Amino acid sequence: MLVIAPDKFKGTASALEVARWCEEVAKELGQQTVSFAMSDGGEGLLDAIGGEIFEDLVTSPLGREVYAKWSMRDKTAVIEMARASGLSLVGGAEQNDPMRATTKGTGQLIVKAVQRGAEEVLVGCGGSATIDGGVGALAAMEPLGQFQGVALRALVDTRTKFLDAAKEFGPQKGASDSQVRELTLR
């Protein structure tokens, strides 16, 4: 039995697409397969974890309204930050305004999940256009008292310290050297 468990090929194919392609080739070679989508917490997280899919209107990183999907299974909600606050929503790093980009939409999805009964919320933090430290999400979640008893967990694949986030991730989100310095001081 061949286990196929790819992550996405960023900018090229989703984990599900890659898994299907690998499965087709393996079957042509006479292999029995089982396949799963994997995710590093960015794009494709919902495909990897599954659950009932919901879609809500939220604020994109640069303030437009967009529909963003999230999922829930057994009172655990899964939010893919890339769907509400993602770099793909602004046209990539070249079109992004990292000084203005906000996680507000991610916070709006967290609120929707709790309103639908989530007792635990997993937020995949990859693929975002933002370097706001979650301030936009927190503002959208006010009053914070509504989250008493709700476990909120960030899914990340790095060990970057909070104060190093702008330096580490700013350039990939379109920040210039001077913007990285300013974002670090926020």
N, C-alpha and C. Protein backbone atom coordinates (compact mmCIF):
# COMPACT_ATOMS: atom_id res chain seq x y z
N MET A 1 0.85 -1.17 0.00
CA MET A 1 0.00 0.00 0.00
C MET A 1 0.90 1.23 0.00
N LEU A 2 0.65 2.11 -0.93
CA LEU A 2 1.41 3.35 -1.05
C LEU A 2 0.59 4.49 -0.44
N VAL A 3 1.15 5.17 0.53
CA VAL A 3 0.49 6.32 1.15
C VAL A 3 0.97 7.58 0.45
N ILE A 4 0.01 8.37 -0.04
CA ILE A 4 0.31 9.62 -0.72
C ILE A 4 -0.23 10.75 0.15
N ALA A 5 0.66 11.61 0.64
CA ALA A 5 0.25 12.67 1.56
C ALA A 5 1.02 13.96 1.28
N PRO A 6 0.73 14.62 0.15
CA PRO A 6 1.47 15.84 -0.19
C PRO A 6 0.85 17.10 0.43
N ASP A 7 1.67 18.12 0.53
CA ASP A 7 1.21 19.47 0.80
C ASP A 7 1.03 20.12 -0.57
N LYS A 8 0.54 21.34 -0.58
CA LYS A 8 0.36 22.08 -1.85
C LYS A 8 1.71 22.33 -2.51
N PHE A 9 1.67 22.62 -3.79
CA PHE A 9 2.82 23.16 -4.51
C PHE A 9 2.46 24.61 -4.72
N LYS A 10 2.91 25.46 -3.80
CA LYS A 10 2.46 26.85 -3.72
C LYS A 10 2.47 27.54 -5.08
N GLY A 11 1.31 28.11 -5.42
CA GLY A 11 1.18 28.83 -6.67
C GLY A 11 0.98 27.95 -7.88
N THR A 12 0.98 26.63 -7.67
CA THR A 12 0.87 25.70 -8.79
C THR A 12 -0.31 24.76 -8.66
N ALA A 13 -0.38 24.02 -7.54
CA ALA A 13 -1.42 23.02 -7.37
C ALA A 13 -1.73 22.82 -5.89
N SER A 14 -3.00 22.53 -5.61
CA SER A 14 -3.41 22.25 -4.23
C SER A 14 -2.92 20.86 -3.83
N ALA A 15 -2.93 20.58 -2.54
CA ALA A 15 -2.52 19.27 -2.04
C ALA A 15 -3.42 18.18 -2.60
N LEU A 16 -4.73 18.45 -2.72
CA LEU A 16 -5.65 17.46 -3.29
C LEU A 16 -5.32 17.17 -4.75
N GLU A 17 -4.99 18.21 -5.52
CA GLU A 17 -4.62 18.01 -6.92
C GLU A 17 -3.35 17.17 -7.04
N VAL A 18 -2.35 17.49 -6.23
CA VAL A 18 -1.09 16.74 -6.26
C VAL A 18 -1.35 15.29 -5.87
N ALA A 19 -2.16 15.07 -4.84
CA ALA A 19 -2.47 13.71 -4.41
C ALA A 19 -3.16 12.93 -5.53
N ARG A 20 -4.11 13.57 -6.21
CA ARG A 20 -4.81 12.88 -7.32
C ARG A 20 -3.84 12.51 -8.44
N TRP A 21 -2.95 13.44 -8.79
CA TRP A 21 -1.97 13.16 -9.86
C TRP A 21 -1.06 12.00 -9.47
N CYS A 22 -0.57 12.02 -8.24
CA CYS A 22 0.31 10.94 -7.77
C CYS A 22 -0.43 9.61 -7.75
N GLU A 23 -1.69 9.65 -7.33
CA GLU A 23 -2.50 8.44 -7.28
C GLU A 23 -2.69 7.85 -8.68
N GLU A 24 -2.95 8.70 -9.66
CA GLU A 24 -3.13 8.24 -11.04
C GLU A 24 -1.87 7.53 -11.54
N VAL A 25 -0.72 8.13 -11.30
CA VAL A 25 0.54 7.52 -11.75
C VAL A 25 0.79 6.21 -11.02
N ALA A 26 0.58 6.20 -9.71
CA ALA A 26 0.80 4.99 -8.92
C ALA A 26 -0.11 3.86 -9.38
N LYS A 27 -1.36 4.17 -9.68
CA LYS A 27 -2.30 3.14 -10.14
C LYS A 27 -1.90 2.61 -11.51
N GLU A 28 -1.39 3.50 -12.38
CA GLU A 28 -0.89 3.05 -13.69
C GLU A 28 0.26 2.06 -13.52
N LEU A 29 1.00 2.20 -12.43
CA LEU A 29 2.12 1.30 -12.14
C LEU A 29 1.70 0.10 -11.31
N GLY A 30 0.38 -0.05 -11.09
CA GLY A 30 -0.15 -1.20 -10.38
C GLY A 30 -0.11 -1.11 -8.86
N GLN A 31 0.08 0.06 -8.33
CA GLN A 31 0.15 0.24 -6.88
C GLN A 31 -1.23 0.50 -6.28
N GLN A 32 -1.47 -0.08 -5.12
CA GLN A 32 -2.65 0.29 -4.34
C GLN A 32 -2.29 1.53 -3.54
N THR A 33 -3.22 2.47 -3.45
CA THR A 33 -2.90 3.73 -2.79
C THR A 33 -3.98 4.15 -1.81
N VAL A 34 -3.57 4.99 -0.90
CA VAL A 34 -4.47 5.75 -0.06
C VAL A 34 -3.86 7.15 -0.03
N SER A 35 -4.71 8.18 -0.17
CA SER A 35 -4.14 9.52 -0.23
C SER A 35 -4.84 10.47 0.73
N PHE A 36 -4.06 11.43 1.19
CA PHE A 36 -4.53 12.46 2.11
C PHE A 36 -3.90 13.78 1.71
N ALA A 37 -4.63 14.86 1.89
CA ALA A 37 -4.05 16.19 1.72
C ALA A 37 -3.35 16.56 3.02
N MET A 38 -2.20 17.17 2.93
CA MET A 38 -1.48 17.66 4.10
C MET A 38 -1.43 19.19 4.00
N SER A 39 -1.14 19.83 5.12
CA SER A 39 -1.03 21.29 5.12
C SER A 39 -0.06 21.73 6.19
N ASP A 40 0.65 22.81 5.90
CA ASP A 40 1.55 23.40 6.88
C ASP A 40 0.85 24.47 7.71
N GLY A 41 -0.47 24.56 7.57
CA GLY A 41 -1.24 25.58 8.29
C GLY A 41 -1.65 26.73 7.41
N GLY A 42 -1.16 26.73 6.18
CA GLY A 42 -1.54 27.76 5.21
C GLY A 42 -2.62 27.26 4.28
N GLU A 43 -2.50 27.63 3.01
CA GLU A 43 -3.48 27.22 2.02
C GLU A 43 -3.63 25.70 2.02
N GLY A 44 -4.88 25.23 1.96
CA GLY A 44 -5.15 23.81 1.93
C GLY A 44 -5.46 23.19 3.27
N LEU A 45 -5.44 23.97 4.34
CA LEU A 45 -5.71 23.43 5.67
C LEU A 45 -7.10 22.82 5.76
N LEU A 46 -8.10 23.50 5.20
CA LEU A 46 -9.47 22.96 5.26
C LEU A 46 -9.56 21.63 4.52
N ASP A 47 -8.87 21.51 3.38
CA ASP A 47 -8.86 20.25 2.64
C ASP A 47 -8.23 19.14 3.49
N ALA A 48 -7.20 19.46 4.22
CA ALA A 48 -6.49 18.47 5.02
C ALA A 48 -7.29 18.02 6.24
N ILE A 49 -8.01 18.94 6.88
CA ILE A 49 -8.71 18.62 8.12
C ILE A 49 -10.16 18.23 7.89
N GLY A 50 -10.80 18.83 6.91
CA GLY A 50 -12.19 18.49 6.60
C GLY A 50 -13.19 19.09 7.57
N GLY A 51 -14.35 18.46 7.66
CA GLY A 51 -15.43 18.96 8.49
C GLY A 51 -16.51 19.60 7.64
N GLU A 52 -17.58 20.06 8.30
CA GLU A 52 -18.65 20.76 7.60
C GLU A 52 -18.15 22.14 7.19
N ILE A 53 -18.36 22.50 5.93
CA ILE A 53 -17.85 23.76 5.41
C ILE A 53 -18.91 24.86 5.53
N PHE A 54 -18.46 26.02 6.01
CA PHE A 54 -19.29 27.22 6.09
C PHE A 54 -18.60 28.31 5.27
N GLU A 55 -19.37 29.30 4.87
CA GLU A 55 -18.80 30.42 4.12
C GLU A 55 -19.45 31.70 4.60
N ASP A 56 -18.63 32.68 4.93
CA ASP A 56 -19.14 33.94 5.46
C ASP A 56 -18.47 35.12 4.77
N LEU A 57 -19.20 36.23 4.73
CA LEU A 57 -18.69 37.48 4.18
C LEU A 57 -17.84 38.17 5.23
N VAL A 58 -16.59 38.47 4.88
CA VAL A 58 -15.66 39.10 5.82
C VAL A 58 -14.87 40.20 5.11
N THR A 59 -14.04 40.88 5.86
CA THR A 59 -13.20 41.95 5.34
C THR A 59 -11.84 41.39 4.92
N SER A 60 -11.46 41.64 3.67
CA SER A 60 -10.16 41.17 3.17
C SER A 60 -9.03 42.01 3.78
N PRO A 61 -7.78 41.62 3.57
CA PRO A 61 -6.67 42.36 4.17
C PRO A 61 -6.65 43.85 3.85
N LEU A 62 -7.10 44.22 2.66
CA LEU A 62 -7.08 45.63 2.27
C LEU A 62 -8.46 46.27 2.26
N GLY A 63 -9.42 45.63 2.97
CA GLY A 63 -10.71 46.27 3.22
C GLY A 63 -11.86 45.95 2.30
N ARG A 64 -11.66 45.11 1.31
CA ARG A 64 -12.78 44.71 0.45
C ARG A 64 -13.56 43.59 1.14
N GLU A 65 -14.82 43.42 0.74
CA GLU A 65 -15.59 42.30 1.26
C GLU A 65 -15.31 41.07 0.40
N VAL A 66 -15.08 39.93 1.06
CA VAL A 66 -14.84 38.67 0.38
C VAL A 66 -15.57 37.56 1.13
N TYR A 67 -15.89 36.50 0.43
CA TYR A 67 -16.43 35.31 1.07
C TYR A 67 -15.27 34.40 1.43
N ALA A 68 -15.27 33.92 2.66
CA ALA A 68 -14.20 33.04 3.13
C ALA A 68 -14.81 31.79 3.76
N LYS A 69 -14.25 30.64 3.41
CA LYS A 69 -14.72 29.37 3.95
C LYS A 69 -13.95 29.01 5.22
N TRP A 70 -14.62 28.25 6.07
CA TRP A 70 -14.03 27.67 7.26
C TRP A 70 -14.79 26.38 7.53
N SER A 71 -14.31 25.55 8.45
CA SER A 71 -14.99 24.28 8.70
C SER A 71 -15.17 24.04 10.20
N MET A 72 -16.06 23.08 10.50
CA MET A 72 -16.26 22.69 11.89
C MET A 72 -16.63 21.21 11.95
N ARG A 73 -16.04 20.57 12.95
CA ARG A 73 -16.36 19.17 13.25
C ARG A 73 -16.31 19.02 14.76
N ASP A 74 -17.38 18.46 15.32
CA ASP A 74 -17.42 18.18 16.77
C ASP A 74 -17.05 19.40 17.62
N LYS A 75 -17.62 20.54 17.31
CA LYS A 75 -17.42 21.79 18.06
C LYS A 75 -16.00 22.35 17.97
N THR A 76 -15.22 21.81 17.02
CA THR A 76 -13.89 22.37 16.74
C THR A 76 -13.94 23.02 15.37
N ALA A 77 -13.72 24.33 15.34
CA ALA A 77 -13.71 25.08 14.08
C ALA A 77 -12.28 25.17 13.56
N VAL A 78 -12.16 25.17 12.25
CA VAL A 78 -10.86 25.31 11.60
C VAL A 78 -10.94 26.51 10.66
N ILE A 79 -10.05 27.46 10.89
CA ILE A 79 -10.01 28.68 10.08
C ILE A 79 -8.66 28.76 9.40
N GLU A 80 -8.71 28.92 8.09
CA GLU A 80 -7.50 29.06 7.28
C GLU A 80 -7.31 30.56 7.05
N MET A 81 -6.37 31.16 7.76
CA MET A 81 -6.15 32.60 7.68
C MET A 81 -6.00 33.07 6.23
N ALA A 82 -5.41 32.24 5.39
CA ALA A 82 -5.19 32.61 3.99
C ALA A 82 -6.50 32.91 3.26
N ARG A 83 -7.61 32.32 3.71
CA ARG A 83 -8.90 32.53 3.04
C ARG A 83 -9.53 33.87 3.40
N ALA A 84 -9.20 34.42 4.55
CA ALA A 84 -9.79 35.70 4.99
C ALA A 84 -8.78 36.84 4.97
N SER A 85 -7.52 36.52 5.20
CA SER A 85 -6.48 37.54 5.32
C SER A 85 -5.27 37.19 4.45
N GLY A 86 -5.52 36.48 3.36
CA GLY A 86 -4.44 35.93 2.57
C GLY A 86 -3.81 36.83 1.53
N LEU A 87 -2.56 36.53 1.24
CA LEU A 87 -1.80 37.26 0.23
C LEU A 87 -2.45 37.12 -1.15
N SER A 88 -3.06 35.98 -1.41
CA SER A 88 -3.72 35.77 -2.71
C SER A 88 -4.92 36.71 -2.89
N LEU A 89 -5.51 37.17 -1.80
CA LEU A 89 -6.67 38.07 -1.88
C LEU A 89 -6.30 39.49 -2.29
N VAL A 90 -5.02 39.82 -2.21
CA VAL A 90 -4.58 41.18 -2.58
C VAL A 90 -3.78 41.18 -3.88
N GLY A 91 -3.66 40.03 -4.52
CA GLY A 91 -2.92 39.95 -5.78
C GLY A 91 -1.44 39.70 -5.60
N GLY A 92 -1.04 39.17 -4.45
CA GLY A 92 0.36 38.86 -4.20
C GLY A 92 1.11 40.00 -3.54
N ALA A 93 2.38 39.76 -3.26
CA ALA A 93 3.21 40.73 -2.54
C ALA A 93 3.32 42.05 -3.27
N GLU A 94 3.35 42.00 -4.61
CA GLU A 94 3.51 43.22 -5.40
C GLU A 94 2.33 44.18 -5.23
N GLN A 95 1.15 43.64 -5.01
CA GLN A 95 -0.06 44.45 -4.88
C GLN A 95 -0.44 44.74 -3.43
N ASN A 96 0.26 44.12 -2.50
CA ASN A 96 -0.09 44.26 -1.09
C ASN A 96 0.38 45.61 -0.52
N ASP A 97 -0.32 46.06 0.49
CA ASP A 97 0.10 47.22 1.27
C ASP A 97 0.31 46.72 2.70
N PRO A 98 1.50 46.22 3.01
CA PRO A 98 1.72 45.59 4.31
C PRO A 98 1.53 46.52 5.51
N MET A 99 1.59 47.82 5.28
CA MET A 99 1.38 48.76 6.38
C MET A 99 -0.11 48.87 6.74
N ARG A 100 -0.96 48.53 5.81
CA ARG A 100 -2.40 48.66 6.00
C ARG A 100 -3.11 47.31 6.13
N ALA A 101 -2.48 46.24 5.66
CA ALA A 101 -3.12 44.92 5.65
C ALA A 101 -3.52 44.50 7.06
N THR A 102 -4.73 43.95 7.17
CA THR A 102 -5.30 43.62 8.47
C THR A 102 -5.81 42.18 8.54
N THR A 103 -5.80 41.63 9.74
CA THR A 103 -6.35 40.31 10.00
C THR A 103 -7.82 40.38 10.43
N LYS A 104 -8.46 41.50 10.23
CA LYS A 104 -9.85 41.69 10.65
C LYS A 104 -10.75 40.54 10.18
N GLY A 105 -10.62 40.14 8.92
CA GLY A 105 -11.46 39.07 8.38
C GLY A 105 -11.29 37.76 9.12
N THR A 106 -10.08 37.46 9.55
CA THR A 106 -9.84 36.25 10.33
C THR A 106 -10.58 36.33 11.66
N GLY A 107 -10.53 37.48 12.31
CA GLY A 107 -11.29 37.67 13.55
C GLY A 107 -12.78 37.53 13.33
N GLN A 108 -13.27 38.03 12.20
CA GLN A 108 -14.70 37.90 11.88
C GLN A 108 -15.08 36.43 11.73
N LEU A 109 -14.21 35.62 11.13
CA LEU A 109 -14.50 34.19 11.01
C LEU A 109 -14.49 33.51 12.37
N ILE A 110 -13.59 33.91 13.24
CA ILE A 110 -13.55 33.34 14.59
C ILE A 110 -14.86 33.63 15.31
N VAL A 111 -15.36 34.85 15.19
CA VAL A 111 -16.65 35.22 15.80
C VAL A 111 -17.76 34.34 15.23
N LYS A 112 -17.81 34.17 13.92
CA LYS A 112 -18.84 33.34 13.28
C LYS A 112 -18.78 31.91 13.81
N ALA A 113 -17.57 31.38 13.96
CA ALA A 113 -17.41 30.02 14.44
C ALA A 113 -17.95 29.86 15.86
N VAL A 114 -17.64 30.82 16.72
CA VAL A 114 -18.12 30.76 18.11
C VAL A 114 -19.63 30.93 18.15
N GLN A 115 -20.17 31.80 17.31
CA GLN A 115 -21.62 31.97 17.24
C GLN A 115 -22.31 30.69 16.79
N ARG A 116 -21.63 29.86 16.02
CA ARG A 116 -22.20 28.58 15.57
C ARG A 116 -21.90 27.44 16.53
N GLY A 117 -21.31 27.75 17.68
CA GLY A 117 -21.14 26.74 18.72
C GLY A 117 -19.75 26.17 18.89
N ALA A 118 -18.75 26.72 18.24
CA ALA A 118 -17.39 26.20 18.40
C ALA A 118 -16.90 26.42 19.83
N GLU A 119 -16.32 25.38 20.40
CA GLU A 119 -15.71 25.46 21.72
C GLU A 119 -14.19 25.50 21.61
N GLU A 120 -13.70 25.17 20.44
CA GLU A 120 -12.27 25.24 20.14
C GLU A 120 -12.14 25.80 18.73
N VAL A 121 -11.21 26.72 18.53
CA VAL A 121 -10.98 27.31 17.21
C VAL A 121 -9.50 27.16 16.88
N LEU A 122 -9.23 26.47 15.78
CA LEU A 122 -7.87 26.30 15.28
C LEU A 122 -7.68 27.26 14.12
N VAL A 123 -6.67 28.11 14.20
CA VAL A 123 -6.41 29.09 13.15
C VAL A 123 -5.07 28.76 12.49
N GLY A 124 -5.14 28.34 11.23
CA GLY A 124 -3.93 28.11 10.44
C GLY A 124 -3.37 29.45 10.00
N CYS A 125 -2.17 29.78 10.43
CA CYS A 125 -1.64 31.14 10.26
C CYS A 125 -0.82 31.35 8.99
N GLY A 126 -0.68 30.37 8.14
CA GLY A 126 0.12 30.54 6.93
C GLY A 126 -0.61 31.26 5.82
N GLY A 127 0.17 31.81 4.90
CA GLY A 127 -0.39 32.40 3.69
C GLY A 127 -1.01 33.77 3.85
N SER A 128 -0.75 34.44 4.97
CA SER A 128 -1.41 35.74 5.19
C SER A 128 -0.69 36.87 4.47
N ALA A 129 -1.42 37.95 4.28
CA ALA A 129 -0.87 39.18 3.69
C ALA A 129 -0.47 40.16 4.79
N THR A 130 -0.61 39.75 6.02
CA THR A 130 -0.58 40.69 7.14
C THR A 130 0.63 40.54 8.05
N ILE A 131 0.94 41.64 8.70
CA ILE A 131 1.97 41.67 9.75
C ILE A 131 1.44 42.59 10.85
N ASP A 132 0.18 42.38 11.23
CA ASP A 132 -0.42 43.26 12.25
C ASP A 132 -0.42 42.63 13.63
N GLY A 133 0.21 41.47 13.77
CA GLY A 133 0.29 40.84 15.08
C GLY A 133 -1.05 40.35 15.60
N GLY A 134 -2.04 40.24 14.72
CA GLY A 134 -3.37 39.80 15.13
C GLY A 134 -4.25 40.91 15.68
N VAL A 135 -3.77 42.15 15.65
CA VAL A 135 -4.54 43.27 16.19
C VAL A 135 -5.87 43.42 15.46
N GLY A 136 -5.88 43.26 14.15
CA GLY A 136 -7.12 43.36 13.38
C GLY A 136 -8.12 42.29 13.80
N ALA A 137 -7.63 41.07 13.99
CA ALA A 137 -8.50 39.97 14.41
C ALA A 137 -9.08 40.25 15.80
N LEU A 138 -8.24 40.69 16.71
CA LEU A 138 -8.72 40.98 18.07
C LEU A 138 -9.76 42.08 18.08
N ALA A 139 -9.56 43.12 17.29
CA ALA A 139 -10.55 44.21 17.22
C ALA A 139 -11.89 43.69 16.71
N ALA A 140 -11.85 42.79 15.73
CA ALA A 140 -13.09 42.22 15.18
C ALA A 140 -13.79 41.30 16.18
N MET A 141 -13.05 40.81 17.16
CA MET A 141 -13.59 39.85 18.12
C MET A 141 -14.18 40.50 19.36
N GLU A 142 -14.13 41.80 19.47
CA GLU A 142 -14.67 42.47 20.66
C GLU A 142 -16.18 42.35 20.72
N PRO A 143 -16.76 42.22 21.90
CA PRO A 143 -16.11 42.13 23.20
C PRO A 143 -15.50 40.74 23.40
N LEU A 144 -14.32 40.70 23.94
CA LEU A 144 -13.59 39.44 24.10
C LEU A 144 -14.24 38.50 25.11
N GLY A 145 -15.11 39.02 25.96
CA GLY A 145 -15.80 38.19 26.94
C GLY A 145 -16.63 37.08 26.32
N GLN A 146 -17.05 37.25 25.08
CA GLN A 146 -17.85 36.22 24.41
C GLN A 146 -17.04 34.95 24.14
N PHE A 147 -15.73 35.01 24.34
CA PHE A 147 -14.87 33.86 24.07
C PHE A 147 -14.47 33.11 25.34
N GLN A 148 -15.06 33.47 26.46
CA GLN A 148 -14.76 32.77 27.70
C GLN A 148 -15.12 31.30 27.53
N GLY A 149 -14.19 30.43 27.85
CA GLY A 149 -14.41 28.99 27.72
C GLY A 149 -14.11 28.45 26.33
N VAL A 150 -13.70 29.31 25.41
CA VAL A 150 -13.36 28.86 24.05
C VAL A 150 -11.84 28.76 23.95
N ALA A 151 -11.35 27.62 23.49
CA ALA A 151 -9.91 27.45 23.28
C ALA A 151 -9.56 27.95 21.89
N LEU A 152 -8.63 28.88 21.81
CA LEU A 152 -8.17 29.43 20.54
C LEU A 152 -6.72 29.03 20.36
N ARG A 153 -6.43 28.31 19.27
CA ARG A 153 -5.08 27.80 19.04
C ARG A 153 -4.57 28.22 17.66
N ALA A 154 -3.35 28.68 17.62
CA ALA A 154 -2.70 29.06 16.36
C ALA A 154 -1.91 27.86 15.84
N LEU A 155 -2.11 27.54 14.57
CA LEU A 155 -1.36 26.46 13.92
C LEU A 155 -0.27 27.11 13.07
N VAL A 156 0.97 26.87 13.43
CA VAL A 156 2.10 27.49 12.75
C VAL A 156 3.15 26.43 12.43
N ASP A 157 4.00 26.74 11.47
CA ASP A 157 5.07 25.81 11.12
C ASP A 157 6.45 26.44 11.28
N THR A 158 6.52 27.50 12.06
CA THR A 158 7.81 28.16 12.29
C THR A 158 7.99 28.38 13.79
N ARG A 159 9.19 28.73 14.16
CA ARG A 159 9.49 29.07 15.55
C ARG A 159 9.93 30.52 15.66
N THR A 160 9.49 31.33 14.72
CA THR A 160 9.85 32.74 14.70
C THR A 160 9.28 33.44 15.93
N LYS A 161 10.11 34.22 16.60
CA LYS A 161 9.65 34.99 17.75
C LYS A 161 8.74 36.11 17.26
N PHE A 162 7.77 36.45 18.08
CA PHE A 162 6.78 37.47 17.73
C PHE A 162 7.44 38.76 17.25
N LEU A 163 8.45 39.21 17.96
CA LEU A 163 9.11 40.48 17.62
C LEU A 163 9.97 40.39 16.36
N ASP A 164 10.21 39.17 15.88
CA ASP A 164 10.99 38.98 14.65
C ASP A 164 10.10 38.75 13.42
N ALA A 165 8.79 38.75 13.60
CA ALA A 165 7.88 38.42 12.51
C ALA A 165 8.01 39.36 11.32
N ALA A 166 8.10 40.65 11.56
CA ALA A 166 8.19 41.60 10.44
C ALA A 166 9.48 41.38 9.65
N LYS A 167 10.58 41.17 10.36
CA LYS A 167 11.87 40.94 9.69
C LYS A 167 11.84 39.64 8.89
N GLU A 168 11.25 38.60 9.46
CA GLU A 168 11.23 37.28 8.83
C GLU A 168 10.25 37.21 7.66
N PHE A 169 9.04 37.76 7.85
CA PHE A 169 7.98 37.56 6.86
C PHE A 169 7.59 38.81 6.08
N GLY A 170 8.02 39.98 6.54
CA GLY A 170 7.67 41.23 5.85
C GLY A 170 8.01 41.24 4.38
N PRO A 171 9.24 40.88 3.99
CA PRO A 171 9.59 40.93 2.57
C PRO A 171 8.70 40.06 1.69
N GLN A 172 8.30 38.88 2.17
CA GLN A 172 7.44 38.01 1.35
C GLN A 172 6.01 38.56 1.24
N LYS A 173 5.68 39.53 2.09
CA LYS A 173 4.36 40.16 2.03
C LYS A 173 4.44 41.53 1.35
N GLY A 174 5.60 41.85 0.79
CA GLY A 174 5.75 43.08 0.03
C GLY A 174 6.33 44.26 0.79
N ALA A 175 6.80 44.05 2.02
CA ALA A 175 7.34 45.15 2.82
C ALA A 175 8.77 45.49 2.39
N SER A 176 9.04 46.77 2.25
CA SER A 176 10.39 47.25 1.96
C SER A 176 11.21 47.20 3.25
N ASP A 177 12.51 47.43 3.15
CA ASP A 177 13.37 47.43 4.35
C ASP A 177 12.90 48.46 5.37
N SER A 178 12.53 49.66 4.91
CA SER A 178 12.08 50.69 5.85
C SER A 178 10.73 50.31 6.46
N GLN A 179 9.86 49.67 5.68
CA GLN A 179 8.58 49.22 6.23
C GLN A 179 8.78 48.11 7.25
N VAL A 180 9.73 47.22 7.00
CA VAL A 180 10.03 46.16 7.97
C VAL A 180 10.46 46.78 9.30
N ARG A 181 11.31 47.79 9.24
CA ARG A 181 11.74 48.46 10.48
C ARG A 181 10.55 49.09 11.20
N GLU A 182 9.68 49.75 10.45
CA GLU A 182 8.50 50.40 11.05
C GLU A 182 7.54 49.36 11.63
N LEU A 183 7.32 48.27 10.90
CA LEU A 183 6.43 47.22 11.38
C LEU A 183 6.97 46.57 12.65
N THR A 184 8.27 46.46 12.75
CA THR A 184 8.89 45.87 13.94
C THR A 184 8.64 46.72 15.18
N LEU A 185 8.53 48.02 14.99
CA LEU A 185 8.33 48.93 16.12
C LEU A 185 6.87 49.08 16.53
N ARG A 186 5.95 48.60 15.75
CA ARG A 186 4.52 48.76 16.07
C ARG A 186 4.16 48.11 17.37
